[in-house]
Amino acid sequence: MEHLTTLDDWLAYCERLHPKSIDMGLTRVKAVAERMGLKFDCPVITVAGTNGKGSTCAMLEAILLQAGYRTGVFTSPHLVHFEERCRVRGDIVSAADLIAKFEVVERARGKNGEEISLSYFEFTTLAILQLLADARLDVVILEVGLGGRLDAVNIIDTDCAVITSIDLDHMEFLGHDRESIGREKAGIMRPGKPVVVSDPVPPQSIVDHAAQLGADLWRFGTDFNFSGDKQQWGWAGRGRRYAGLAYPALRGANQLVNAAGVLAALAALRERLPITAQAVRNGLSMVELPGRFQIIPGQPTLVLDVAHNPHSVAALTENLDAMGFYPCTHAVFGAMADKDVVPMLARVGPLIDKWYFTDLPTPRAASGEDLRAKWQALNTRGDVTASTYKSPEEALQAVVKAADPADRIVVFGSFYTVGGILKGGVPRLTAPHLAS
């Protein structure tokens, strides 16, 4: 085996191990997990869906931490550093802790001279799962990477499944309509265990699978709901109510739907993980998650959002619209080549005055020139400009030079796009005419 000393060494090694970067199926990853003796001794909450998974995990974690529980979270992808994918008791884990578990996976993978090939995601997932299993936790929250049924996370039996919004994404792997995609997400359900569906209009395939499996379905609008005004909101579900709640610290109208699903999951697990109303209030008021309609005050205002499919870009557009008037909105946009970018650009287009299309540091990305060409083919406004850049950082530098203090900048399209802006820390913008 190669001599691997740093986390970057291990990650590069994992990228070279398997012929496919995405190889759906649980046979290989399950075999290595069995060799490792991987198992959890605490409740596990598994979160799947197209959009809202990261926010849901963050809110669950924040409330459970406020209730005094020792939490572990696995989420993906990361924005800047790989270590962001795992948090223990609210803190991002160290590279050294991860390296020790990578070594465990590697030994198990080659045990008895019978080597099992693992993809990058499978290998790294096993390492993080082992770290969480060894951390003496009260509850573990696992975000599904892709789909559900055949995702590596699904080797762990969940005590409560949460399925967030379902929309068209990763169609080459999951199917070309919401029913097919819903069927894949439903694969995280387990017989007799609660499954919370926070999508207000879920695919019928999810409802049918819950019935066939004998899962305990908690459905938005039937088993739980929320109501609110401009000051506060309330939640009602089976045998539990919360009134006078402050809005979640995560911005955006869609976050109330996610928060409603979070409270349903905690209600479903209340016999094993009792929580107080105060823990709910404190957790929702303190939750943080970079890159989810993250507004960074400055002149101009900066908005960061990892929206990368038509559904999430529609939510971003509504949230931008609700921010009020800005003389000019600049957009830094980079996206993966397999994304359905035309409806994304069309949806947010009416709000954008200047486009800055960017390359991204991955072979899976579309080039800035390709993105500009797609935008140009559908653009009907003569007053909008577009330019291309080699990186999100270069694009943002160009925006800051061109922008007035009262303008707004939105960065979106991919985790890589937002991650590129956050690499050096959270930027605090000052337009050039203010700095002089």
Protein backbone atom coordinates (compact mmCIF):
# COMPACT_ATOMS: atom_id res chain seq x y z
CA MET A 1 0.00 0.00 0.00
CA GLU A 2 1.13 3.57 -0.62
CA HIS A 3 2.61 5.54 2.26
CA LEU A 4 -0.24 7.80 3.33
CA THR A 5 0.32 10.35 6.09
CA THR A 6 -2.07 13.28 5.56
CA LEU A 7 -5.83 13.43 5.03
CA ASP A 8 -5.21 14.81 1.53
CA ASP A 9 -3.03 11.73 0.82
CA TRP A 10 -5.89 9.45 1.88
CA LEU A 11 -8.51 11.35 -0.14
CA ALA A 12 -6.36 11.23 -3.26
CA TYR A 13 -5.85 7.48 -2.68
CA CYS A 14 -9.62 6.95 -2.36
CA GLU A 15 -10.20 8.76 -5.64
CA ARG A 16 -7.93 6.30 -7.47
CA LEU A 17 -9.24 3.08 -5.93
CA HIS A 18 -12.40 2.36 -7.90
CA PRO A 19 -13.07 2.53 -11.66
CA LYS A 20 -16.32 4.52 -11.18
CA SER A 21 -16.70 7.69 -9.14
CA ILE A 22 -20.37 6.81 -8.50
CA ASP A 23 -21.19 3.10 -8.32
CA MET A 24 -24.65 2.52 -6.88
CA GLY A 25 -25.11 -0.62 -4.79
CA LEU A 26 -24.55 -1.84 -1.24
CA THR A 27 -22.88 -5.24 -1.73
CA ARG A 28 -19.26 -4.11 -1.51
CA VAL A 29 -19.70 -1.44 1.16
CA LYS A 30 -21.80 -3.79 3.30
CA ALA A 31 -19.16 -6.52 3.06
CA VAL A 32 -16.43 -4.16 4.30
CA ALA A 33 -18.70 -2.83 7.08
CA GLU A 34 -19.23 -6.42 8.29
CA ARG A 35 -15.48 -7.00 8.34
CA MET A 36 -15.14 -3.83 10.44
CA GLY A 37 -17.89 -4.91 12.85
CA LEU A 38 -19.58 -1.56 12.27
CA LYS A 39 -22.68 -0.97 14.39
CA PHE A 40 -24.41 1.78 16.34
CA ASP A 41 -25.62 1.56 19.94
CA CYS A 42 -27.76 4.71 19.83
CA PRO A 43 -30.75 5.97 17.81
CA VAL A 44 -30.02 6.83 14.18
CA ILE A 45 -31.93 9.43 12.14
CA THR A 46 -31.41 9.16 8.37
CA VAL A 47 -32.29 12.11 6.11
CA ALA A 48 -32.91 11.79 2.35
CA GLY A 49 -34.43 14.12 -0.23
CA THR A 50 -33.56 16.39 -3.14
CA ASN A 51 -33.34 19.70 -1.26
CA GLY A 52 -33.37 20.61 2.43
CA LYS A 53 -31.32 17.66 3.74
CA GLY A 54 -28.45 19.74 5.12
CA SER A 55 -30.80 22.23 6.77
CA THR A 56 -32.83 19.40 8.30
CA CYS A 57 -29.70 17.76 9.73
CA ALA A 58 -28.45 21.07 11.12
CA MET A 59 -31.76 21.82 12.87
CA LEU A 60 -31.99 18.31 14.33
CA GLU A 61 -28.44 18.64 15.62
CA ALA A 62 -28.98 22.12 17.10
CA ILE A 63 -32.13 21.13 19.01
CA LEU A 64 -30.68 17.85 20.29
CA LEU A 65 -27.51 19.63 21.45
CA GLN A 66 -29.65 22.15 23.34
CA ALA A 67 -31.48 19.22 24.95
CA GLY A 68 -28.14 17.99 26.29
CA TYR A 69 -27.56 15.02 23.96
CA ARG A 70 -24.19 14.00 22.56
CA THR A 71 -24.78 14.25 18.82
CA GLY A 72 -22.95 13.02 15.74
CA VAL A 73 -23.67 14.20 12.20
CA PHE A 74 -22.54 12.97 8.79
CA THR A 75 -23.34 15.28 5.90
CA SER A 76 -22.07 15.75 2.36
CA PRO A 77 -20.66 17.30 0.28
CA HIS A 78 -18.42 19.80 2.04
CA LEU A 79 -17.92 23.46 1.12
CA VAL A 80 -14.21 23.99 1.80
CA HIS A 81 -12.63 21.25 3.94
CA PHE A 82 -13.44 17.53 3.93
CA GLU A 83 -13.58 17.49 7.74
CA GLU A 84 -16.83 19.51 7.54
CA ARG A 85 -18.60 16.25 6.63
CA CYS A 86 -18.50 15.01 10.22
CA ARG A 87 -19.43 16.79 13.43
CA VAL A 88 -19.25 15.28 16.92
CA ARG A 89 -20.99 17.08 19.81
CA GLY A 90 -21.35 20.12 17.56
CA ASP A 91 -17.69 20.37 16.53
CA ILE A 92 -16.09 19.51 13.19
CA VAL A 93 -13.77 16.52 13.64
CA SER A 94 -10.01 16.69 13.15
CA ALA A 95 -8.05 15.30 10.22
CA ALA A 96 -6.10 13.09 12.65
CA ASP A 97 -9.31 11.47 13.93
CA LEU A 98 -10.41 10.76 10.37
CA ILE A 99 -7.04 9.33 9.31
CA ALA A 100 -7.24 6.72 12.10
CA LYS A 101 -10.60 5.51 10.74
CA PHE A 102 -9.37 5.53 7.12
CA GLU A 103 -6.72 3.06 8.28
CA VAL A 104 -9.44 0.86 9.83
CA VAL A 105 -11.36 0.81 6.54
CA GLU A 106 -8.24 0.02 4.53
CA ARG A 107 -7.34 -2.93 6.78
CA ALA A 108 -10.87 -4.32 6.54
CA ARG A 109 -10.97 -3.79 2.78
CA GLY A 110 -7.96 -6.03 2.25
CA LYS A 111 -8.65 -8.53 5.06
CA ASN A 112 -7.51 -12.15 4.47
CA GLY A 113 -6.00 -11.15 1.13
CA GLU A 114 -9.48 -10.70 -0.40
CA GLU A 115 -9.48 -7.07 -1.45
CA ILE A 116 -12.83 -5.30 -1.93
CA SER A 117 -12.88 -2.23 -4.16
CA LEU A 118 -14.63 0.87 -2.79
CA SER A 119 -15.52 4.17 -4.42
CA TYR A 120 -14.37 7.46 -2.88
CA PHE A 121 -17.78 8.03 -1.30
CA GLU A 122 -18.07 4.47 0.02
CA PHE A 123 -14.59 4.49 1.56
CA THR A 124 -14.97 7.91 3.19
CA THR A 125 -18.50 7.11 4.40
CA LEU A 126 -17.30 3.96 6.15
CA ALA A 127 -14.50 5.90 7.85
CA ILE A 128 -16.92 8.56 9.12
CA LEU A 129 -19.49 5.97 10.23
CA GLN A 130 -16.78 4.17 12.22
CA LEU A 131 -15.71 7.44 13.83
CA LEU A 132 -19.30 8.15 14.87
CA ALA A 133 -19.83 4.57 16.13
CA ASP A 134 -16.74 4.86 18.35
CA ALA A 135 -17.60 8.31 19.77
CA ARG A 136 -20.04 7.20 22.54
CA LEU A 137 -22.94 9.29 21.29
CA ASP A 138 -26.61 9.55 22.25
CA VAL A 139 -27.91 10.08 18.70
CA VAL A 140 -26.47 10.02 15.17
CA ILE A 141 -27.86 11.98 12.19
CA LEU A 142 -26.93 10.67 8.73
CA GLU A 143 -27.51 12.59 5.50
CA VAL A 144 -27.91 10.44 2.40
CA GLY A 145 -25.46 11.37 -0.35
CA LEU A 146 -27.40 10.31 -3.45
CA GLY A 147 -30.85 8.72 -3.63
CA GLY A 148 -31.42 6.45 -0.65
CA ARG A 149 -32.00 2.80 -1.47
CA LEU A 150 -28.50 2.19 -2.87
CA ASP A 151 -26.57 4.92 -1.03
CA ALA A 152 -23.74 3.76 1.26
CA VAL A 153 -25.43 5.39 4.27
CA ASN A 154 -28.32 2.94 3.88
CA ILE A 155 -26.25 0.02 5.23
CA ILE A 156 -27.21 1.44 8.66
CA ASP A 157 -30.76 0.68 9.80
CA THR A 158 -32.50 3.89 10.72
CA ASP A 159 -34.67 4.46 13.80
CA CYS A 160 -36.40 7.37 12.08
CA ALA A 161 -36.26 8.24 8.38
CA VAL A 162 -36.85 11.81 7.19
CA ILE A 163 -37.60 12.50 3.53
CA THR A 164 -37.46 16.17 2.55
CA SER A 165 -38.60 17.71 -0.74
CA ILE A 166 -38.46 15.55 -3.87
CA ASP A 167 -37.60 17.04 -7.24
CA LEU A 168 -35.72 16.22 -10.44
CA ASP A 169 -31.98 15.83 -9.85
CA HIS A 170 -29.36 13.12 -10.51
CA MET A 171 -31.83 11.66 -13.00
CA GLU A 172 -29.21 9.48 -14.70
CA PHE A 173 -29.01 7.48 -11.45
CA LEU A 174 -32.45 7.88 -9.86
CA GLY A 175 -34.98 8.05 -12.70
CA HIS A 176 -36.57 10.71 -14.86
CA ASP A 177 -39.69 11.61 -12.86
CA ARG A 178 -40.64 12.36 -9.25
CA GLU A 179 -42.26 8.94 -8.76
CA SER A 180 -39.07 7.08 -9.71
CA ILE A 181 -36.90 9.40 -7.63
CA GLY A 182 -39.30 9.11 -4.68
CA ARG A 183 -39.08 5.32 -4.88
CA GLU A 184 -35.28 5.52 -4.52
CA LYS A 185 -35.50 7.92 -1.56
CA ALA A 186 -38.07 5.65 0.11
CA GLY A 187 -35.39 2.96 0.34
CA ILE A 188 -34.20 4.40 3.68
CA MET A 189 -37.47 3.38 5.40
CA ARG A 190 -37.55 0.41 7.77
CA PRO A 191 -40.53 -1.75 8.83
CA GLY A 192 -42.27 -0.50 11.96
CA LYS A 193 -40.07 2.61 12.19
CA PRO A 194 -41.30 6.18 11.76
CA VAL A 195 -40.76 7.92 8.41
CA VAL A 196 -41.38 11.66 8.31
CA VAL A 197 -42.25 13.05 4.86
CA SER A 198 -41.94 16.84 4.92
CA ASP A 199 -42.64 17.33 1.19
CA PRO A 200 -46.16 18.87 1.14
CA VAL A 201 -46.99 17.00 -2.10
CA PRO A 202 -44.93 13.78 -1.96
CA PRO A 203 -44.74 11.30 -4.82
CA GLN A 204 -47.29 8.51 -4.40
CA SER A 205 -44.41 6.02 -4.58
CA ILE A 206 -43.23 7.17 -1.13
CA VAL A 207 -46.67 6.80 0.44
CA ASP A 208 -47.17 3.39 -1.21
CA HIS A 209 -43.75 2.10 -0.11
CA ALA A 210 -44.43 3.10 3.50
CA ALA A 211 -47.70 1.15 3.41
CA GLN A 212 -46.13 -1.93 1.78
CA LEU A 213 -43.26 -1.93 4.24
CA GLY A 214 -45.35 -1.29 7.35
CA ALA A 215 -43.42 1.88 8.22
CA ASP A 216 -45.05 4.45 10.53
CA LEU A 217 -45.76 7.28 8.09
CA TRP A 218 -45.79 10.87 9.39
CA ARG A 219 -47.09 12.97 6.52
CA PHE A 220 -47.01 16.76 6.25
CA GLY A 221 -50.54 18.17 6.31
CA THR A 222 -51.98 14.97 7.79
CA ASP A 223 -49.88 13.97 10.81
CA PHE A 224 -48.22 17.34 11.41
CA ASN A 225 -48.50 20.91 10.19
CA PHE A 226 -47.44 24.47 10.95
CA SER A 227 -49.00 27.91 10.96
CA GLY A 228 -47.62 31.37 11.53
CA ASP A 229 -47.60 35.10 11.04
CA LYS A 230 -44.79 37.60 10.53
CA GLN A 231 -43.68 37.43 14.17
CA GLN A 232 -43.90 33.77 15.14
CA TRP A 233 -45.04 30.30 14.14
CA GLY A 234 -46.47 27.17 15.72
CA TRP A 235 -46.36 23.43 15.07
CA ALA A 236 -48.90 20.71 15.76
CA GLY A 237 -48.45 16.97 15.39
CA ARG A 238 -49.47 13.69 16.96
CA GLY A 239 -49.92 14.40 20.67
CA ARG A 240 -47.64 17.45 20.71
CA ARG A 241 -47.87 21.17 20.02
CA TYR A 242 -45.44 24.08 20.03
CA ALA A 243 -46.71 27.68 20.00
CA GLY A 244 -45.02 31.06 19.82
CA LEU A 245 -41.82 29.79 18.17
CA ALA A 246 -39.31 32.25 16.74
CA TYR A 247 -38.46 31.65 13.09
CA PRO A 248 -35.43 29.41 12.46
CA ALA A 249 -32.10 31.22 12.20
CA LEU A 250 -31.70 29.67 8.73
CA ARG A 251 -33.24 32.15 6.31
CA GLY A 252 -35.79 31.42 3.60
CA ALA A 253 -39.47 30.56 3.45
CA ASN A 254 -38.68 26.91 2.68
CA GLN A 255 -36.98 26.48 6.07
CA LEU A 256 -40.33 26.33 7.89
CA VAL A 257 -41.22 23.19 5.93
CA ASN A 258 -37.87 21.68 6.90
CA ALA A 259 -38.33 22.73 10.54
CA ALA A 260 -41.81 21.16 10.62
CA GLY A 261 -40.29 17.84 9.49
CA VAL A 262 -37.59 18.15 12.15
CA LEU A 263 -40.17 18.58 14.93
CA ALA A 264 -42.14 15.61 13.59
CA ALA A 265 -39.01 13.42 13.70
CA LEU A 266 -38.28 14.48 17.28
CA ALA A 267 -41.91 13.85 18.24
CA ALA A 268 -41.71 10.39 16.68
CA LEU A 269 -38.60 9.62 18.79
CA ARG A 270 -39.72 11.34 22.00
CA GLU A 271 -39.79 8.14 24.07
CA ARG A 272 -36.08 7.54 23.35
CA LEU A 273 -34.96 11.16 23.00
CA PRO A 274 -37.24 13.41 25.07
CA ILE A 275 -36.75 17.12 24.48
CA THR A 276 -38.19 20.27 26.05
CA ALA A 277 -39.93 23.15 24.32
CA GLN A 278 -37.03 25.36 25.44
CA ALA A 279 -34.53 23.13 23.63
CA VAL A 280 -36.62 23.51 20.47
CA ARG A 281 -36.71 27.31 20.83
CA ASN A 282 -33.00 27.63 21.56
CA GLY A 283 -31.94 25.15 18.88
CA LEU A 284 -33.94 26.78 16.09
CA SER A 285 -32.73 30.25 17.11
CA MET A 286 -29.05 29.20 17.13
CA VAL A 287 -28.79 26.83 14.13
CA GLU A 288 -26.12 27.69 11.57
CA LEU A 289 -25.41 26.27 8.13
CA PRO A 290 -23.16 28.07 5.66
CA GLY A 291 -24.31 28.44 2.07
CA ARG A 292 -28.05 28.11 2.62
CA PHE A 293 -29.45 31.51 1.68
CA GLN A 294 -26.61 32.93 3.76
CA ILE A 295 -26.79 36.73 3.74
CA ILE A 296 -23.46 38.41 4.53
CA PRO A 297 -23.90 42.07 5.43
CA GLY A 298 -21.66 44.53 3.65
CA GLN A 299 -21.63 47.03 0.84
CA PRO A 300 -22.68 45.43 -1.42
CA THR A 301 -24.74 42.71 0.27
CA LEU A 302 -23.55 39.16 -0.48
CA VAL A 303 -25.88 36.14 -0.70
CA LEU A 304 -24.44 32.61 -0.78
CA ASP A 305 -26.65 29.65 -1.73
CA VAL A 306 -25.72 26.13 -2.84
CA ALA A 307 -28.95 25.86 -4.91
CA HIS A 308 -28.05 23.56 -7.82
CA ASN A 309 -31.29 22.30 -9.37
CA PRO A 310 -34.49 23.96 -10.65
CA HIS A 311 -36.43 23.35 -7.43
CA SER A 312 -33.83 24.89 -5.12
CA VAL A 313 -33.21 27.79 -7.52
CA ALA A 314 -36.96 28.50 -7.50
CA ALA A 315 -36.79 28.74 -3.67
CA LEU A 316 -33.70 30.98 -3.93
CA THR A 317 -35.54 33.24 -6.39
CA GLU A 318 -38.49 33.65 -4.01
CA ASN A 319 -36.14 34.43 -1.15
CA LEU A 320 -34.22 36.99 -3.22
CA ASP A 321 -37.49 38.60 -4.29
CA ALA A 322 -38.53 38.94 -0.65
CA MET A 323 -35.34 40.86 0.22
CA GLY A 324 -36.70 44.05 -1.35
CA PHE A 325 -35.26 46.46 -3.91
CA TYR A 326 -31.61 46.60 -4.99
CA PRO A 327 -30.45 48.88 -7.84
CA CYS A 328 -28.45 46.07 -9.42
CA THR A 329 -28.14 42.33 -8.72
CA HIS A 330 -24.93 40.60 -9.81
CA ALA A 331 -24.83 36.78 -10.05
CA VAL A 332 -21.76 34.52 -9.84
CA PHE A 333 -22.87 31.17 -11.29
CA GLY A 334 -21.03 27.87 -11.75
CA ALA A 335 -22.63 24.45 -12.11
CA MET A 336 -22.00 20.79 -12.85
CA ALA A 337 -22.27 19.71 -16.50
CA ASP A 338 -25.09 17.25 -15.78
CA LYS A 339 -27.40 19.86 -14.21
CA ASP A 340 -30.56 21.12 -15.90
CA VAL A 341 -29.31 24.70 -15.98
CA VAL A 342 -31.73 26.21 -18.52
CA PRO A 343 -34.78 26.23 -16.18
CA MET A 344 -32.51 27.42 -13.37
CA LEU A 345 -31.30 30.40 -15.40
CA ALA A 346 -34.80 31.12 -16.70
CA ARG A 347 -36.33 31.12 -13.22
CA VAL A 348 -33.90 33.52 -11.55
CA GLY A 349 -33.13 35.48 -14.74
CA PRO A 350 -35.64 38.32 -14.21
CA LEU A 351 -33.86 39.30 -10.98
CA ILE A 352 -30.30 39.32 -12.38
CA ASP A 353 -28.76 42.38 -14.07
CA LYS A 354 -25.17 41.20 -14.53
CA TRP A 355 -23.99 37.58 -14.89
CA TYR A 356 -20.50 36.30 -14.03
CA PHE A 357 -20.23 32.70 -15.25
CA THR A 358 -17.36 30.69 -13.81
CA ASP A 359 -15.38 27.49 -14.32
CA LEU A 360 -15.18 25.20 -11.27
CA PRO A 361 -12.23 23.07 -10.04
CA THR A 362 -13.66 19.67 -10.98
CA PRO A 363 -13.87 17.78 -14.29
CA ARG A 364 -17.61 17.28 -13.67
CA ALA A 365 -18.30 21.00 -14.04
CA ALA A 366 -19.58 22.87 -17.05
CA SER A 367 -17.27 25.62 -18.26
CA GLY A 368 -18.18 29.25 -17.75
CA GLU A 369 -18.31 29.63 -21.53
CA ASP A 370 -20.81 26.74 -21.85
CA LEU A 371 -23.01 28.27 -19.17
CA ARG A 372 -22.91 31.69 -20.82
CA ALA A 373 -23.90 30.12 -24.16
CA LYS A 374 -26.93 28.44 -22.55
CA TRP A 375 -27.93 31.71 -20.92
CA GLN A 376 -27.47 33.63 -24.18
CA ALA A 377 -29.77 31.22 -26.03
CA LEU A 378 -32.68 32.05 -23.73
CA ASN A 379 -31.93 35.69 -22.84
CA THR A 380 -34.43 38.24 -24.18
CA ARG A 381 -33.26 41.28 -22.18
CA GLY A 382 -31.01 43.82 -23.87
CA ASP A 383 -29.96 45.48 -20.60
CA VAL A 384 -28.19 42.44 -19.06
CA THR A 385 -24.45 41.77 -19.37
CA ALA A 386 -22.52 38.48 -19.05
CA SER A 387 -18.83 37.61 -18.67
CA THR A 388 -16.81 34.47 -17.85
CA TYR A 389 -14.07 33.67 -15.33
CA LYS A 390 -11.69 30.87 -14.41
CA SER A 391 -12.77 30.61 -10.76
CA PRO A 392 -15.46 31.84 -8.36
CA GLU A 393 -12.84 33.97 -6.54
CA GLU A 394 -11.85 35.70 -9.79
CA ALA A 395 -15.52 36.27 -10.63
CA LEU A 396 -16.22 37.80 -7.20
CA GLN A 397 -13.22 40.13 -7.54
CA ALA A 398 -14.65 41.37 -10.85
CA VAL A 399 -18.08 41.90 -9.25
CA VAL A 400 -16.67 43.92 -6.36
CA LYS A 401 -14.83 46.22 -8.79
CA ALA A 402 -18.01 46.77 -10.82
CA ALA A 403 -20.60 46.96 -8.04
CA ASP A 404 -22.02 49.97 -6.24
CA PRO A 405 -22.36 49.87 -2.44
CA ALA A 406 -26.16 49.51 -2.61
CA ASP A 407 -26.03 46.55 -5.00
CA ARG A 408 -26.53 42.86 -4.25
CA ILE A 409 -24.34 39.89 -5.23
CA VAL A 410 -25.69 36.34 -5.29
CA VAL A 411 -23.36 33.34 -5.59
CA PHE A 412 -25.04 30.01 -6.46
CA GLY A 413 -25.18 26.89 -8.64
CA SER A 414 -22.98 24.40 -6.78
CA PHE A 415 -21.20 23.61 -3.52
CA TYR A 416 -17.99 24.31 -5.48
CA THR A 417 -19.19 27.80 -6.43
CA VAL A 418 -19.98 28.79 -2.84
CA GLY A 419 -16.97 26.89 -1.48
CA GLY A 420 -14.69 28.88 -3.79
CA ILE A 421 -15.91 32.10 -2.20
CA LEU A 422 -15.54 30.76 1.37
CA LYS A 423 -12.03 29.29 0.93
CA GLY A 424 -10.35 32.24 2.58
CA GLY A 425 -13.08 32.70 5.19
CA VAL A 426 -16.33 34.65 5.07
CA PRO A 427 -15.74 37.72 2.87
CA ARG A 428 -16.79 41.15 4.13
CA LEU A 429 -17.29 43.30 1.07
CA THR A 430 -16.57 46.98 0.73
CA ALA A 431 -17.20 48.56 -2.66
CA PRO A 432 -14.11 50.40 -4.01
CA HIS A 433 -15.63 53.89 -3.72
CA LEU A 434 -16.18 53.25 0.04
CA ALA A 435 -12.60 52.12 0.60
CA SER A 436 -11.04 55.30 -0.79
